[in-house]
């Protein structure tokens, strides 16, 4: 059953801060923020969570009463959006006096009979609170008037609480689990239907969307790789380090998958990051939070350095499917085996990531890289049947018995995968805290020998029967 969300519309004249508030609510930089009036022209839609309540946020173009056809169309879309919404946030600039256009539009919105708030932005300090008195002439009640400063994150908590009170509780959909369970006198059926298998079930559906982060230090050829993959000159390519500042998105269909590449600005050492390049680094980390896969680009013609290892650590931190790409292979005289040994020694924590040598200049192995992206994503998003997981883990425990720390008898009752992207596996057992990480690592390695997990980390946790919560500190990733 499709989830129905309440809709929140952001309405207001250009340059009052709607996109900034949209980004604040969405907790990521989605809307483009600029001092140039009218930057936002289309309606952006994004599912958000406000104080544990879900909603669909609609960010409209700025409304400007001119004869310009573009802005006339923007106003029409904004009004249509307001009619569609359940909650309307009408935003004005608190550093200016209310004008007739604002009042006229506000009264028009009032007539729609929706939940309506007047949001006065750019109230940056206590002294500027006095400006709020000017906006009472809109005829707004105290509880629906909010003085905020998005840039200073001031006053937004009260606004968010007001919005959350208008939203229904988060929907919890019933999940039916059909697993074969062997009889065991120590375990009840309720204990198996109770565990983590149904956690985030709705979020686990594979939508075939592959978000690929392209990362690496400055001037290793990320833009050239992107251009070679999409088959066109999409990013500016230059020998000057740091040419790419903003991430560039490019999407295309390949083997029934929608692949979106984000070409990020090159990463430098922190001491050398200045101005807009520091902003680019922040955008890179935001992009990694949304990515499924990462292409770690290394320069095959240059020596590996500590910064390469630090950048690779970002991939490990976000638990992404990973392919290590050796670019400029045509300029290197070393054998692939020799380079592979260096990389495996440097990036031990990415032992599961395949290494592909390519040349963006000549196009060598670019098609192979495309195929590998799809393959690794499928490994990253796969859900292993419970019967297969239990069989593999049982074989592993027969080959290498569970340890008996201090004479304690350990027993694994059941194994289940409770999450994908990356795969997360739970061992339901009698004394989970006594299972040593080295044995978990053995089980992960045995899983890899029997199931194709190439390119993806595997997270594993031991938990007791009937234990509902997952302590992320206990999750081991290998």
Protein backbone atom coordinates (compact mmCIF):
# COMPACT_ATOMS: atom_id res chain seq x y z
CA UNK A 1 0.00 0.00 0.00
CA UNK A 2 1.42 3.35 -1.05
CA UNK A 3 2.31 5.70 1.76
CA UNK A 4 0.27 8.94 1.84
CA UNK A 5 2.14 11.91 3.25
CA UNK A 6 0.90 15.33 4.27
CA UNK A 7 2.27 18.03 1.97
CA UNK A 8 3.97 21.20 3.14
CA UNK A 9 4.29 24.07 0.66
CA UNK A 10 6.86 26.87 0.97
CA UNK A 11 5.48 30.07 -0.61
CA UNK A 12 6.95 33.55 -0.82
CA UNK A 13 8.61 36.22 -2.90
CA UNK A 14 12.12 35.69 -4.31
CA UNK A 15 15.14 35.75 -2.01
CA UNK A 16 13.32 35.46 1.33
CA UNK A 17 15.15 32.23 2.26
CA UNK A 18 12.75 29.50 1.15
CA UNK A 19 15.45 27.29 -0.33
CA UNK A 20 17.60 27.68 2.79
CA UNK A 21 14.69 26.61 5.00
CA UNK A 22 13.96 23.74 2.61
CA UNK A 23 17.57 22.56 2.99
CA UNK A 24 17.40 22.93 6.77
CA UNK A 25 14.26 20.79 6.99
CA UNK A 26 15.60 18.21 4.52
CA UNK A 27 18.90 18.12 6.46
CA UNK A 28 20.88 18.26 3.23
CA UNK A 29 21.71 20.75 0.54
CA UNK A 30 19.15 20.02 -2.20
CA UNK A 31 17.84 23.41 -3.24
CA UNK A 32 20.33 25.84 -4.79
CA UNK A 33 20.90 28.86 -2.55
CA UNK A 34 21.89 32.17 -4.12
CA UNK A 35 21.54 35.89 -3.50
CA UNK A 36 20.18 36.26 -7.03
CA UNK A 37 16.40 36.68 -6.90
CA UNK A 38 14.44 33.92 -8.59
CA UNK A 39 17.03 31.14 -8.44
CA UNK A 40 14.32 28.55 -7.69
CA UNK A 41 11.77 28.30 -10.49
CA UNK A 42 10.47 24.73 -10.41
CA UNK A 43 8.67 22.91 -7.61
CA UNK A 44 11.02 20.62 -5.71
CA UNK A 45 9.57 17.66 -3.80
CA UNK A 46 11.38 15.84 -1.07
CA UNK A 47 10.29 13.47 1.69
CA UNK A 48 11.35 14.85 5.05
CA UNK A 49 11.11 13.92 8.69
CA UNK A 50 10.27 16.67 11.17
CA UNK A 51 10.55 15.65 14.81
CA UNK A 52 9.89 12.01 13.86
CA UNK A 53 6.89 12.93 11.69
CA UNK A 54 7.02 12.31 7.93
CA UNK A 55 5.88 14.77 5.27
CA UNK A 56 6.40 15.74 1.64
CA UNK A 57 8.07 19.13 1.32
CA UNK A 58 7.25 21.30 -1.70
CA UNK A 59 9.60 24.20 -2.43
CA UNK A 60 8.14 26.65 -4.94
CA UNK A 61 9.68 29.35 -7.04
CA UNK A 62 9.75 32.88 -5.70
CA UNK A 63 6.61 34.90 -6.55
CA UNK A 64 7.32 38.23 -8.19
CA UNK A 65 4.53 40.43 -9.56
CA UNK A 66 6.09 41.39 -12.88
CA UNK A 67 5.09 41.05 -16.47
CA UNK A 68 7.90 38.59 -17.04
CA UNK A 69 6.40 35.37 -18.37
CA UNK A 70 8.74 33.23 -16.27
CA UNK A 71 7.70 34.79 -12.97
CA UNK A 72 4.02 34.78 -13.94
CA UNK A 73 4.34 31.04 -14.51
CA UNK A 74 6.16 30.64 -11.19
CA UNK A 75 3.32 32.36 -9.33
CA UNK A 76 0.75 30.16 -11.04
CA UNK A 77 2.67 27.03 -10.03
CA UNK A 78 3.08 28.29 -6.48
CA UNK A 79 -0.65 28.89 -6.06
CA UNK A 80 -1.44 25.47 -7.54
CA UNK A 81 1.08 23.97 -5.13
CA UNK A 82 -0.57 25.76 -2.18
CA UNK A 83 -3.96 24.36 -3.19
CA UNK A 84 -2.48 20.85 -3.25
CA UNK A 85 -0.75 21.23 0.14
CA UNK A 86 -2.11 20.53 3.62
CA UNK A 87 0.20 23.01 5.36
CA UNK A 88 1.44 26.31 3.93
CA UNK A 89 4.51 28.17 5.16
CA UNK A 90 4.31 31.72 3.81
CA UNK A 91 7.77 33.21 4.10
CA UNK A 92 8.70 36.90 4.15
CA UNK A 93 11.87 38.93 4.61
CA UNK A 94 12.04 40.26 8.19
CA UNK A 95 14.55 42.94 7.24
CA UNK A 96 11.95 44.65 5.05
CA UNK A 97 8.59 46.18 5.87
CA UNK A 98 5.51 44.21 4.79
CA UNK A 99 4.37 45.20 1.32
CA UNK A 100 0.99 45.06 -0.39
CA UNK A 101 1.99 42.12 -2.60
CA UNK A 102 2.78 40.00 0.46
CA UNK A 103 -0.52 40.91 2.15
CA UNK A 104 -2.58 40.29 -0.99
CA UNK A 105 -1.05 36.87 -1.53
CA UNK A 106 -1.31 35.98 2.16
CA UNK A 107 -5.05 36.76 2.17
CA UNK A 108 -5.45 34.66 -0.99
CA UNK A 109 -3.77 31.75 0.78
CA UNK A 110 -5.92 32.27 3.89
CA UNK A 111 -9.02 31.77 1.77
CA UNK A 112 -7.84 28.26 0.88
CA UNK A 113 -8.64 27.14 4.43
CA UNK A 114 -5.33 25.33 4.96
CA UNK A 115 -3.04 25.25 8.00
CA UNK A 116 -1.13 28.48 7.41
CA UNK A 117 1.95 29.92 9.13
CA UNK A 118 3.59 33.29 8.52
CA UNK A 119 7.35 32.74 8.71
CA UNK A 120 9.39 35.93 9.08
CA UNK A 121 12.97 35.10 8.15
CA UNK A 122 16.23 36.99 8.83
CA UNK A 123 15.40 37.81 12.46
CA UNK A 124 19.01 37.31 13.45
CA UNK A 125 19.03 38.51 17.08
CA UNK A 126 16.80 39.55 20.01
CA UNK A 127 16.82 43.20 18.99
CA UNK A 128 15.43 42.33 15.57
CA UNK A 129 12.50 40.55 17.24
CA UNK A 130 10.86 43.97 17.43
CA UNK A 131 10.36 43.83 13.67
CA UNK A 132 7.81 41.07 14.16
CA UNK A 133 5.29 43.68 15.35
CA UNK A 134 5.12 45.02 11.78
CA UNK A 135 3.74 41.70 10.58
CA UNK A 136 0.77 41.54 12.93
CA UNK A 137 -1.03 43.74 10.39
CA UNK A 138 -1.50 40.53 8.37
CA UNK A 139 -4.11 39.63 10.98
CA UNK A 140 -2.18 36.52 12.02
CA UNK A 141 -2.55 34.84 15.42
CA UNK A 142 0.44 34.61 17.76
CA UNK A 143 0.62 30.82 17.47
CA UNK A 144 0.91 31.03 13.68
CA UNK A 145 3.60 33.72 13.49
CA UNK A 146 7.26 32.71 13.65
CA UNK A 147 10.33 34.90 13.66
CA UNK A 148 13.30 32.84 12.55
CA UNK A 149 16.80 33.08 11.12
CA UNK A 150 17.57 30.11 8.90
CA UNK A 151 21.21 31.11 8.46
CA UNK A 152 21.70 31.28 12.25
CA UNK A 153 19.34 28.35 12.99
CA UNK A 154 17.40 30.62 15.30
CA UNK A 155 13.73 30.12 16.12
CA UNK A 156 13.36 27.10 13.86
CA UNK A 157 12.64 24.68 16.71
CA UNK A 158 9.30 26.34 17.51
CA UNK A 159 8.39 26.30 13.83
CA UNK A 160 9.26 22.62 13.51
CA UNK A 161 7.18 21.80 16.60
CA UNK A 162 4.20 23.66 15.09
CA UNK A 163 4.56 21.69 11.85
CA UNK A 164 4.98 18.35 13.65
CA UNK A 165 1.79 18.95 15.63
CA UNK A 166 -0.11 19.19 12.33
CA UNK A 167 1.28 15.89 11.04
CA UNK A 168 0.01 12.37 11.81
CA UNK A 169 2.26 9.82 13.55
CA UNK A 170 4.69 7.94 11.34
CA UNK A 171 2.98 5.06 9.56
CA UNK A 172 4.03 1.58 10.62
CA UNK A 173 3.03 -0.88 7.96
CA UNK A 174 2.41 -4.50 8.76
CA UNK A 175 5.13 -6.75 7.42
CA UNK A 176 4.39 -10.43 6.81
CA UNK A 177 7.38 -12.69 7.12
CA UNK A 178 7.28 -16.12 5.59
CA UNK A 179 10.27 -18.10 6.80
CA UNK A 180 10.68 -21.81 7.41
CA UNK A 181 11.57 -22.33 11.07
CA UNK A 182 12.79 -25.62 12.40
CA UNK A 183 11.31 -26.85 15.66
CA UNK A 184 13.38 -25.96 18.69
CA UNK A 185 12.18 -26.36 22.24
CA UNK A 186 14.15 -23.29 23.34
CA UNK A 187 12.60 -20.88 20.83
CA UNK A 188 9.06 -19.68 20.28
CA UNK A 189 7.61 -18.56 16.96
CA UNK A 190 6.96 -15.12 18.46
CA UNK A 191 10.67 -14.70 19.12
CA UNK A 192 11.41 -15.21 15.44
CA UNK A 193 8.70 -12.92 14.19
CA UNK A 194 9.80 -10.35 16.72
CA UNK A 195 13.42 -9.79 15.74
CA UNK A 196 15.10 -7.39 13.42
CA UNK A 197 14.10 -8.96 10.13
CA UNK A 198 11.24 -6.51 9.61
CA UNK A 199 13.22 -3.39 10.61
CA UNK A 200 13.09 -0.73 7.87
CA UNK A 201 11.39 -3.25 5.57
CA UNK A 202 9.89 -0.55 3.38
CA UNK A 203 13.28 1.12 2.90
CA UNK A 204 14.83 -2.13 1.75
CA UNK A 205 13.10 -2.33 -1.62
CA UNK A 206 15.57 -2.07 -4.49
CA UNK A 207 14.48 0.73 -6.81
CA UNK A 208 17.26 0.09 -9.33
CA UNK A 209 18.73 3.55 -8.70
CA UNK A 210 22.52 3.48 -8.45
CA UNK A 211 24.13 6.60 -6.99
CA UNK A 212 27.85 6.50 -7.70
CA UNK A 213 30.28 8.77 -5.88
CA UNK A 214 33.48 9.50 -7.78
CA UNK A 215 36.19 10.43 -5.29
CA UNK A 216 39.93 10.84 -5.23
CA UNK A 217 42.58 13.43 -4.61
CA UNK A 218 43.02 16.40 -6.90
CA UNK A 219 43.91 15.79 -10.55
CA UNK A 220 43.72 11.98 -10.59
CA UNK A 221 41.31 12.15 -13.53
CA UNK A 222 37.85 11.96 -11.95
CA UNK A 223 36.27 14.24 -14.55
CA UNK A 224 37.93 12.29 -17.36
CA UNK A 225 36.55 9.05 -15.92
CA UNK A 226 33.07 10.58 -15.75
CA UNK A 227 33.25 11.79 -19.33
CA UNK A 228 34.44 8.38 -20.52
CA UNK A 229 31.64 6.58 -18.65
CA UNK A 230 28.80 8.76 -19.93
CA UNK A 231 30.35 9.13 -23.37
CA UNK A 232 30.31 12.92 -23.56
CA UNK A 233 32.19 15.99 -22.37
CA UNK A 234 30.09 16.55 -19.25
CA UNK A 235 32.75 17.88 -16.86
CA UNK A 236 35.50 20.40 -17.48
CA UNK A 237 38.79 18.55 -17.86
CA UNK A 238 42.03 20.39 -17.19
CA UNK A 239 45.54 19.60 -16.04
CA UNK A 240 45.14 22.42 -13.51
CA UNK A 241 44.46 20.85 -10.10
CA UNK A 242 41.07 21.66 -8.63
CA UNK A 243 39.22 22.51 -11.87
CA UNK A 244 36.06 20.81 -10.59
CA UNK A 245 34.59 22.82 -7.70
CA UNK A 246 30.88 21.90 -7.54
CA UNK A 247 29.79 18.27 -7.89
CA UNK A 248 28.36 17.57 -11.34
CA UNK A 249 25.52 15.05 -11.65
CA UNK A 250 24.98 12.95 -14.74
CA UNK A 251 22.41 10.16 -15.09
CA UNK A 252 21.84 7.54 -17.76
CA UNK A 253 20.19 4.13 -18.18
CA UNK A 254 22.39 1.04 -18.35
CA UNK A 255 21.26 -2.59 -18.11
CA UNK A 256 17.85 -1.64 -16.65
CA UNK A 257 19.50 0.48 -13.97
CA UNK A 258 19.43 4.24 -13.61
CA UNK A 259 23.00 5.25 -12.82
CA UNK A 260 23.71 8.71 -11.43
CA UNK A 261 27.33 9.80 -11.23
CA UNK A 262 28.43 12.63 -9.00
CA UNK A 263 31.79 14.04 -10.03
CA UNK A 264 33.17 15.63 -6.89
CA UNK A 265 35.73 18.32 -6.42
CA UNK A 266 39.23 16.92 -5.86
CA UNK A 267 40.20 16.50 -2.22
CA UNK A 268 43.37 18.20 -0.93
CA UNK A 269 45.05 18.08 2.43
CA UNK A 270 43.07 20.07 4.99
CA UNK A 271 45.74 22.73 5.34
CA UNK A 272 45.43 23.54 1.65
CA UNK A 273 41.65 23.77 1.52
CA UNK A 274 40.54 27.37 1.23
CA UNK A 275 37.40 29.27 0.32
CA UNK A 276 35.13 27.59 -2.17
CA UNK A 277 37.23 24.42 -2.19
CA UNK A 278 36.40 23.91 1.49
CA UNK A 279 32.75 24.21 0.51
CA UNK A 280 33.37 21.58 -2.19
CA UNK A 281 34.74 19.17 0.42
CA UNK A 282 31.58 19.61 2.47
CA UNK A 283 29.51 18.86 -0.61
CA UNK A 284 31.59 15.73 -1.20
CA UNK A 285 30.78 14.32 2.23
CA UNK A 286 27.08 15.16 1.73
CA UNK A 287 27.17 13.31 -1.56
CA UNK A 288 28.75 10.25 0.06
CA UNK A 289 25.82 10.08 2.48
CA UNK A 290 23.46 9.60 -0.49
CA UNK A 291 25.66 7.27 -2.54
CA UNK A 292 25.35 3.51 -2.96
CA UNK A 293 28.70 2.97 -4.61
CA UNK A 294 32.04 4.74 -4.72
CA UNK A 295 34.65 4.78 -7.44
CA UNK A 296 37.93 5.43 -5.65
CA UNK A 297 40.10 6.91 -8.39
CA UNK A 298 43.86 6.45 -8.05
CA UNK A 299 46.53 7.72 -10.40
CA UNK A 300 48.42 4.67 -11.72
CA UNK A 301 51.19 6.94 -12.99
CA UNK A 302 51.90 8.39 -9.54
CA UNK A 303 52.93 7.02 -6.14
CA UNK A 304 50.27 6.27 -3.55
CA UNK A 305 50.32 8.74 -0.66
CA UNK A 306 48.76 8.97 2.79
CA UNK A 307 46.04 11.24 1.45
CA UNK A 308 44.83 8.41 -0.82
CA UNK A 309 44.36 6.29 2.30
CA UNK A 310 42.46 9.06 4.09
CA UNK A 311 40.12 9.52 1.14
CA UNK A 312 39.57 5.76 0.98
CA UNK A 313 38.64 5.93 4.65
CA UNK A 314 35.62 8.06 3.69
CA UNK A 315 34.28 5.14 1.65
CA UNK A 316 34.77 2.79 4.59
CA UNK A 317 33.10 5.27 6.95
CA UNK A 318 29.91 5.44 4.88
CA UNK A 319 29.77 1.69 4.19
CA UNK A 320 29.59 2.01 0.41
CA UNK A 321 30.02 -0.58 -2.28
CA UNK A 322 33.44 0.14 -3.73
CA UNK A 323 35.48 -0.24 -6.90
CA UNK A 324 39.12 0.87 -6.89
CA UNK A 325 39.87 2.42 -10.27
CA UNK A 326 43.46 2.80 -11.47
CA UNK A 327 43.36 5.62 -14.01
CA UNK A 328 46.18 6.57 -16.44
CA UNK A 329 47.15 2.91 -16.71
CA UNK A 330 48.62 3.62 -20.16
CA UNK A 331 51.27 5.83 -18.52
CA UNK A 332 52.49 3.21 -16.05
CA UNK A 333 55.18 0.64 -16.75
CA UNK A 334 54.66 -1.49 -13.62
CA UNK A 335 52.83 -4.76 -13.91
CA UNK A 336 49.24 -4.86 -12.68
CA UNK A 337 50.19 -7.48 -10.09
CA UNK A 338 52.87 -5.22 -8.61
CA UNK A 339 50.45 -2.27 -8.35
CA UNK A 340 47.71 -4.48 -6.93
CA UNK A 341 50.04 -5.63 -4.13
CA UNK A 342 50.80 -1.99 -3.25
CA UNK A 343 47.10 -1.11 -3.14
CA UNK A 344 46.11 -4.14 -1.08
CA UNK A 345 48.87 -3.31 1.39
CA UNK A 346 47.78 0.36 1.59
CA UNK A 347 44.01 -0.22 1.77
CA UNK A 348 43.63 -3.36 3.86
CA UNK A 349 40.18 -2.27 4.99
CA UNK A 350 38.95 -2.31 1.36
CA UNK A 351 40.11 -5.88 0.75
CA UNK A 352 36.70 -6.75 -0.70
CA UNK A 353 36.84 -4.03 -3.41
CA UNK A 354 37.79 -5.11 -6.94
CA UNK A 355 40.60 -3.23 -8.68
CA UNK A 356 40.17 -2.23 -12.33
CA UNK A 357 42.89 -0.56 -14.40
CA UNK A 358 41.48 1.85 -17.00
CA UNK A 359 42.56 4.65 -19.26
CA UNK A 360 40.07 7.49 -19.59
CA UNK A 361 42.23 8.85 -22.43
CA UNK A 362 42.04 5.73 -24.62
CA UNK A 363 38.78 4.28 -23.26
CA UNK A 364 40.49 1.08 -22.15
CA UNK A 365 38.27 -1.08 -19.85
CA UNK A 366 35.59 1.65 -19.50
CA UNK A 367 32.83 -0.76 -20.61
CA UNK A 368 34.15 -3.32 -18.16
CA UNK A 369 33.94 -0.68 -15.43
CA UNK A 370 30.27 0.00 -16.30
CA UNK A 371 29.47 -3.71 -16.03
CA UNK A 372 31.30 -3.92 -12.73
CA UNK A 373 29.30 -0.98 -11.31
CA UNK A 374 26.04 -2.85 -11.98
CA UNK A 375 27.46 -6.11 -10.61
CA UNK A 376 28.73 -4.55 -7.37
CA UNK A 377 25.45 -2.68 -6.85
CA UNK A 378 23.52 -5.95 -7.17
CA UNK A 379 25.80 -7.48 -4.54
CA UNK A 380 25.33 -4.40 -2.34
CA UNK A 381 21.52 -4.49 -2.65
CA UNK A 382 21.00 -8.26 -2.53
CA UNK A 383 18.92 -10.01 0.11
CA UNK A 384 20.10 -13.54 0.83
CA UNK A 385 17.31 -16.06 1.59
CA UNK A 386 17.25 -17.01 5.24
CA UNK A 387 17.53 -20.72 4.44
CA UNK A 388 20.79 -20.15 2.53
CA UNK A 389 22.25 -17.94 5.27
CA UNK A 390 21.48 -20.54 7.93
CA UNK A 391 22.97 -23.33 5.84
CA UNK A 392 26.22 -21.42 5.25
CA UNK A 393 26.57 -20.39 8.92
CA UNK A 394 25.84 -23.94 10.04
CA UNK A 395 28.58 -25.27 7.74
CA UNK A 396 30.95 -22.65 9.10
CA UNK A 397 30.32 -23.66 12.72
CA UNK A 398 30.86 -27.33 11.84
CA UNK A 399 34.21 -26.56 10.19
CA UNK A 400 35.31 -24.28 13.03
CA UNK A 401 33.36 -24.71 16.25
CA UNK A 402 32.07 -21.76 18.20
CA UNK A 403 34.49 -20.74 20.98
CA UNK A 404 33.74 -21.46 24.64
CA UNK A 405 35.01 -18.41 26.52
CA UNK A 406 35.53 -19.28 30.19
CA UNK A 407 33.71 -22.56 29.62
CA UNK A 408 30.53 -20.84 28.40
CA UNK A 409 28.53 -22.78 25.81
CA UNK A 410 27.70 -20.57 22.79
CA UNK A 411 24.98 -21.46 20.36
CA UNK A 412 23.68 -19.70 17.23
CA UNK A 413 19.95 -20.35 16.95
CA UNK A 414 19.20 -18.49 13.78
CA UNK A 415 20.74 -16.18 11.17
CA UNK A 416 18.87 -13.50 9.25
CA UNK A 417 19.68 -10.58 7.01
CA UNK A 418 17.87 -7.53 8.34
CA UNK A 419 19.10 -4.82 5.99
CA UNK A 420 20.60 -4.21 2.56
CA UNK A 421 22.82 -1.43 1.14
CA UNK A 422 25.09 -2.65 2.71
CA UNK A 423 24.08 -6.20 3.72
CA UNK A 424 23.59 -6.52 7.46
CA UNK A 425 23.32 -9.91 9.09
CA UNK A 426 22.16 -10.82 12.60
CA UNK A 427 23.23 -13.90 14.51
CA UNK A 428 20.50 -14.71 17.05
CA UNK A 429 22.20 -16.63 19.86
CA UNK A 430 22.23 -17.40 23.55
CA UNK A 431 25.20 -15.31 24.76
CA UNK A 432 25.78 -12.65 22.07
CA UNK A 433 28.20 -10.51 24.10
CA UNK A 434 30.63 -13.41 24.47
CA UNK A 435 31.13 -13.90 20.74
CA UNK A 436 34.59 -12.58 19.89
CA UNK A 437 35.06 -10.29 16.90
CA UNK A 438 37.61 -12.71 15.44
CA UNK A 439 34.95 -15.40 15.10
CA UNK A 440 32.59 -12.87 13.49
CA UNK A 441 35.36 -12.11 11.01
CA UNK A 442 35.72 -15.85 10.32
CA UNK A 443 31.99 -16.10 9.63
CA UNK A 444 32.11 -13.10 7.29
CA UNK A 445 35.00 -14.63 5.37
CA UNK A 446 33.12 -17.90 5.10
CA UNK A 447 30.04 -16.07 3.82
CA UNK A 448 32.19 -14.39 1.18
CA UNK A 449 33.55 -17.78 0.03
CA UNK A 450 30.04 -19.11 -0.50
CA UNK A 451 28.07 -16.02 -1.57
CA UNK A 452 29.12 -13.29 -4.01
CA UNK A 453 29.68 -10.22 -1.84
CA UNK A 454 32.46 -8.75 -4.02
CA UNK A 455 32.72 -4.99 -3.68
CA UNK A 456 30.50 -4.62 -0.64
CA UNK A 457 31.16 -4.49 3.10
CA UNK A 458 29.16 -6.87 5.29
CA UNK A 459 27.97 -5.80 8.71
CA UNK A 460 27.33 -8.46 11.33
CA UNK A 461 25.79 -8.32 14.80
CA UNK A 462 25.18 -10.94 17.47
CA UNK A 463 21.99 -10.50 19.47
CA UNK A 464 19.87 -12.41 21.96
CA UNK A 465 16.42 -13.89 21.54
CA UNK A 466 13.66 -11.30 21.93
CA UNK A 467 16.17 -8.43 21.85
CA UNK A 468 14.50 -5.69 19.81
CA UNK A 469 17.07 -2.91 19.67
CA UNK A 470 20.27 -2.89 17.66
CA UNK A 471 23.29 -1.40 19.37
CA UNK A 472 25.31 0.02 16.47
CA UNK A 473 28.43 -0.05 18.63
CA UNK A 474 28.23 -3.86 18.52
CA UNK A 475 28.01 -4.06 14.73
CA UNK A 476 31.21 -5.36 13.16
CA UNK A 477 31.95 -4.49 9.54
CA UNK A 478 34.31 -6.59 7.44
